[in-house]
Amino acid sequence: MRISGMGEKSVVVCIRRLPALVSILLASAVQAFPCDQPIMISNWSLCAIANEGGAADWKAVPAWTRQKAISTYFGNEPRLLANHGLCNAKFQRVVLCLPGWEMGDPDECSYLICSGYYSSSFGKKEREDDLRDHPTAQ
């Protein structure tokens, strides 16, 4: 005895919709990935690794930034990355902290990285300066 009807059709409809659902989930995961990870300031550093210029600009930034998927984030301009970029070698991510970033949207991932990194760097420099100026005051 074969039972067919509504149940069989709904299974077919579900199977047809499955690829669309998977693609929506993947697209939303890709968009959310950079900011849904905890931002660890210790994973970020200035991208400039050398004092190069002109034709040697790519020597001024890490080699992994040449990957097409990464270099598009800074317009394939290594000097821009060297002058204004922060690099996360662990996760191979880059962010530009261009002038005016202070006025950006505080909910954007890049703003949080730029803001946190510079706050952390500024605080470290202040502590070092204070220890240098007052070595016995602890």
C-alpha atoms as a PDB file:
ATOM      1  CA  MET A   1       0.000   0.000   0.000  1.00  0.00           C
ATOM      2  CA  ARG A   2       1.399   3.390  -0.998  1.00  0.00           C
ATOM      3  CA  ILE A   3       0.377   6.558   0.716  1.00  0.00           C
ATOM      4  CA  SER A   4       1.055   9.736  -1.206  1.00  0.00           C
ATOM      5  CA  GLY A   5      -0.235  13.213  -1.057  1.00  0.00           C
ATOM      6  CA  MET A   6       0.499  16.204   1.099  1.00  0.00           C
ATOM      7  CA  GLY A   7       3.447  14.728   3.067  1.00  0.00           C
ATOM      8  CA  GLU A   8       5.400  13.824  -0.044  1.00  0.00           C
ATOM      9  CA  LYS A   9       4.909  17.287  -1.586  1.00  0.00           C
ATOM     10  CA  SER A  10       6.036  19.083   1.562  1.00  0.00           C
ATOM     11  CA  VAL A  11       9.254  17.028   1.655  1.00  0.00           C
ATOM     12  CA  VAL A  12       9.957  17.990  -1.974  1.00  0.00           C
ATOM     13  CA  VAL A  13       9.280  21.665  -1.194  1.00  0.00           C
ATOM     14  CA  CYS A  14      11.583  21.520   1.845  1.00  0.00           C
ATOM     15  CA  ILE A  15      14.374  19.912  -0.193  1.00  0.00           C
ATOM     16  CA  ARG A  16      14.025  22.589  -2.875  1.00  0.00           C
ATOM     17  CA  ARG A  17      14.189  25.377  -0.292  1.00  0.00           C
ATOM     18  CA  LEU A  18      17.155  23.921   1.584  1.00  0.00           C
ATOM     19  CA  PRO A  19      19.882  25.339  -0.730  1.00  0.00           C
ATOM     20  CA  ALA A  20      18.336  28.818  -0.493  1.00  0.00           C
ATOM     21  CA  LEU A  21      18.241  28.598   3.289  1.00  0.00           C
ATOM     22  CA  VAL A  22      21.847  27.398   3.466  1.00  0.00           C
ATOM     23  CA  SER A  23      23.023  30.235   1.191  1.00  0.00           C
ATOM     24  CA  ILE A  24      21.203  32.824   3.336  1.00  0.00           C
ATOM     25  CA  LEU A  25      22.801  31.435   6.483  1.00  0.00           C
ATOM     26  CA  LEU A  26      26.260  31.439   4.903  1.00  0.00           C
ATOM     27  CA  ALA A  27      25.862  34.994   3.636  1.00  0.00           C
ATOM     28  CA  SER A  28      24.824  36.256   7.054  1.00  0.00           C
ATOM     29  CA  ALA A  29      27.693  34.387   8.719  1.00  0.00           C
ATOM     30  CA  VAL A  30      30.235  35.936   6.344  1.00  0.00           C
ATOM     31  CA  GLN A  31      28.916  39.421   7.032  1.00  0.00           C
ATOM     32  CA  ALA A  32      28.905  38.938  10.798  1.00  0.00           C
ATOM     33  CA  PHE A  33      32.264  37.185  11.156  1.00  0.00           C
ATOM     34  CA  PRO A  34      34.702  40.064  11.765  1.00  0.00           C
ATOM     35  CA  CYS A  35      32.606  41.676  14.495  1.00  0.00           C
ATOM     36  CA  ASP A  36      31.193  38.623  16.210  1.00  0.00           C
ATOM     37  CA  GLN A  37      34.685  37.615  17.278  1.00  0.00           C
ATOM     38  CA  PRO A  38      35.945  39.189  20.501  1.00  0.00           C
ATOM     39  CA  ILE A  39      38.236  42.072  19.612  1.00  0.00           C
ATOM     40  CA  MET A  40      41.572  41.386  21.236  1.00  0.00           C
ATOM     41  CA  ILE A  41      43.723  44.493  20.907  1.00  0.00           C
ATOM     42  CA  SER A  42      46.805  42.328  21.458  1.00  0.00           C
ATOM     43  CA  ASN A  43      46.108  40.600  18.088  1.00  0.00           C
ATOM     44  CA  TRP A  44      46.413  43.898  16.185  1.00  0.00           C
ATOM     45  CA  SER A  45      49.496  45.923  15.324  1.00  0.00           C
ATOM     46  CA  LEU A  46      50.543  48.583  12.852  1.00  0.00           C
ATOM     47  CA  CYS A  47      50.867  47.089   9.370  1.00  0.00           C
ATOM     48  CA  ALA A  48      54.116  48.884   8.528  1.00  0.00           C
ATOM     49  CA  ILE A  49      56.994  46.432   8.937  1.00  0.00           C
ATOM     50  CA  ALA A  50      59.649  48.344   6.991  1.00  0.00           C
ATOM     51  CA  ASN A  51      60.512  51.849   5.868  1.00  0.00           C
ATOM     52  CA  GLU A  52      60.160  51.338   2.140  1.00  0.00           C
ATOM     53  CA  GLY A  53      58.652  53.506  -0.554  1.00  0.00           C
ATOM     54  CA  GLY A  54      58.055  53.828  -4.256  1.00  0.00           C
ATOM     55  CA  ALA A  55      58.302  50.506  -6.085  1.00  0.00           C
ATOM     56  CA  ALA A  56      59.163  48.754  -2.818  1.00  0.00           C
ATOM     57  CA  ASP A  57      55.851  49.589  -1.080  1.00  0.00           C
ATOM     58  CA  TRP A  58      54.853  45.925  -0.826  1.00  0.00           C
ATOM     59  CA  LYS A  59      57.994  45.309   1.244  1.00  0.00           C
ATOM     60  CA  ALA A  60      56.630  47.741   3.829  1.00  0.00           C
ATOM     61  CA  VAL A  61      53.651  45.529   4.732  1.00  0.00           C
ATOM     62  CA  PRO A  62      53.283  41.822   5.612  1.00  0.00           C
ATOM     63  CA  ALA A  63      53.393  39.442   2.633  1.00  0.00           C
ATOM     64  CA  TRP A  64      50.004  37.888   3.482  1.00  0.00           C
ATOM     65  CA  THR A  65      48.313  41.242   2.738  1.00  0.00           C
ATOM     66  CA  ARG A  66      49.003  40.684  -0.996  1.00  0.00           C
ATOM     67  CA  GLN A  67      46.213  38.097  -1.195  1.00  0.00           C
ATOM     68  CA  LYS A  68      43.490  39.438  -3.477  1.00  0.00           C
ATOM     69  CA  ALA A  69      40.775  38.816  -0.867  1.00  0.00           C
ATOM     70  CA  ILE A  70      42.665  41.003   1.615  1.00  0.00           C
ATOM     71  CA  SER A  71      44.233  43.660  -0.632  1.00  0.00           C
ATOM     72  CA  THR A  72      40.805  44.782  -1.849  1.00  0.00           C
ATOM     73  CA  TYR A  73      40.113  46.129   1.649  1.00  0.00           C
ATOM     74  CA  PHE A  74      42.791  48.783   1.160  1.00  0.00           C
ATOM     75  CA  GLY A  75      42.385  49.296  -2.575  1.00  0.00           C
ATOM     76  CA  ASN A  76      45.561  47.334  -3.338  1.00  0.00           C
ATOM     77  CA  GLU A  77      47.547  50.350  -2.091  1.00  0.00           C
ATOM     78  CA  PRO A  78      50.288  49.061   0.226  1.00  0.00           C
ATOM     79  CA  ARG A  79      51.402  52.597   1.177  1.00  0.00           C
ATOM     80  CA  LEU A  80      47.872  53.356   2.432  1.00  0.00           C
ATOM     81  CA  LEU A  81      47.986  50.174   4.505  1.00  0.00           C
ATOM     82  CA  ALA A  82      51.458  50.962   5.836  1.00  0.00           C
ATOM     83  CA  ASN A  83      50.484  54.510   6.824  1.00  0.00           C
ATOM     84  CA  HIS A  84      46.960  53.961   8.162  1.00  0.00           C
ATOM     85  CA  GLY A  85      46.445  50.236   8.608  1.00  0.00           C
ATOM     86  CA  LEU A  86      46.188  47.831  11.474  1.00  0.00           C
ATOM     87  CA  CYS A  87      46.933  44.176  10.772  1.00  0.00           C
ATOM     88  CA  ASN A  88      45.809  41.052  12.564  1.00  0.00           C
ATOM     89  CA  ALA A  89      48.287  38.390  11.458  1.00  0.00           C
ATOM     90  CA  LYS A  90      46.594  35.680  13.532  1.00  0.00           C
ATOM     91  CA  PHE A  91      43.302  35.936  11.609  1.00  0.00           C
ATOM     92  CA  GLN A  92      44.775  37.679   8.534  1.00  0.00           C
ATOM     93  CA  ARG A  93      42.554  40.735   8.743  1.00  0.00           C
ATOM     94  CA  VAL A  94      43.300  44.377   7.988  1.00  0.00           C
ATOM     95  CA  VAL A  95      41.521  47.604   8.880  1.00  0.00           C
ATOM     96  CA  LEU A  96      42.259  51.178   7.861  1.00  0.00           C
ATOM     97  CA  CYS A  97      42.178  53.848  10.562  1.00  0.00           C
ATOM     98  CA  LEU A  98      41.995  56.892   8.346  1.00  0.00           C
ATOM     99  CA  PRO A  99      41.807  60.467   9.635  1.00  0.00           C
ATOM    100  CA  GLY A 100      38.307  61.129  10.866  1.00  0.00           C
ATOM    101  CA  TRP A 101      37.715  57.576  12.133  1.00  0.00           C
ATOM    102  CA  GLU A 102      37.101  59.046  15.594  1.00  0.00           C
ATOM    103  CA  MET A 103      33.752  60.305  14.323  1.00  0.00           C
ATOM    104  CA  GLY A 104      32.694  56.930  12.910  1.00  0.00           C
ATOM    105  CA  ASP A 105      29.901  54.676  14.064  1.00  0.00           C
ATOM    106  CA  PRO A 106      30.935  53.186  17.425  1.00  0.00           C
ATOM    107  CA  ASP A 107      29.057  49.983  16.550  1.00  0.00           C
ATOM    108  CA  GLU A 108      31.224  49.284  13.502  1.00  0.00           C
ATOM    109  CA  CYS A 109      33.917  46.694  13.967  1.00  0.00           C
ATOM    110  CA  SER A 110      36.655  48.811  12.370  1.00  0.00           C
ATOM    111  CA  TYR A 111      35.853  51.748  14.640  1.00  0.00           C
ATOM    112  CA  LEU A 112      36.167  49.538  17.715  1.00  0.00           C
ATOM    113  CA  ILE A 113      39.492  48.156  16.542  1.00  0.00           C
ATOM    114  CA  CYS A 114      40.924  51.564  15.632  1.00  0.00           C
ATOM    115  CA  SER A 115      39.604  53.188  18.771  1.00  0.00           C
ATOM    116  CA  GLY A 116      40.694  50.357  21.052  1.00  0.00           C
ATOM    117  CA  TYR A 117      44.123  50.025  19.486  1.00  0.00           C
ATOM    118  CA  TYR A 118      44.917  53.712  19.670  1.00  0.00           C
ATOM    119  CA  SER A 119      43.500  53.965  23.187  1.00  0.00           C
ATOM    120  CA  SER A 120      45.642  51.008  24.206  1.00  0.00           C
ATOM    121  CA  SER A 121      48.736  52.435  22.492  1.00  0.00           C
ATOM    122  CA  PHE A 122      48.173  55.884  23.977  1.00  0.00           C
ATOM    123  CA  GLY A 123      47.702  54.412  27.470  1.00  0.00           C
ATOM    124  CA  LYS A 124      50.866  52.328  27.112  1.00  0.00           C
ATOM    125  CA  LYS A 125      52.860  55.380  25.977  1.00  0.00           C
ATOM    126  CA  GLU A 126      51.486  57.447  28.872  1.00  0.00           C
ATOM    127  CA  ARG A 127      52.486  54.736  31.376  1.00  0.00           C
ATOM    128  CA  GLU A 128      55.975  54.449  29.862  1.00  0.00           C
ATOM    129  CA  ASP A 129      56.420  58.245  29.908  1.00  0.00           C
ATOM    130  CA  ASP A 130      55.218  58.417  33.497  1.00  0.00           C
ATOM    131  CA  LEU A 131      57.631  55.655  34.602  1.00  0.00           C
ATOM    132  CA  ARG A 132      60.480  57.387  32.780  1.00  0.00           C
ATOM    133  CA  ASP A 133      59.665  60.769  34.384  1.00  0.00           C
ATOM    134  CA  HIS A 134      58.974  59.341  37.868  1.00  0.00           C
ATOM    135  CA  PRO A 135      60.992  56.116  38.220  1.00  0.00           C
ATOM    136  CA  THR A 136      60.615  55.856  42.008  1.00  0.00           C
ATOM    137  CA  ALA A 137      56.880  56.675  42.208  1.00  0.00           C
ATOM    138  CA  GLN A 138      55.263  53.237  42.165  1.00  0.00           C
END
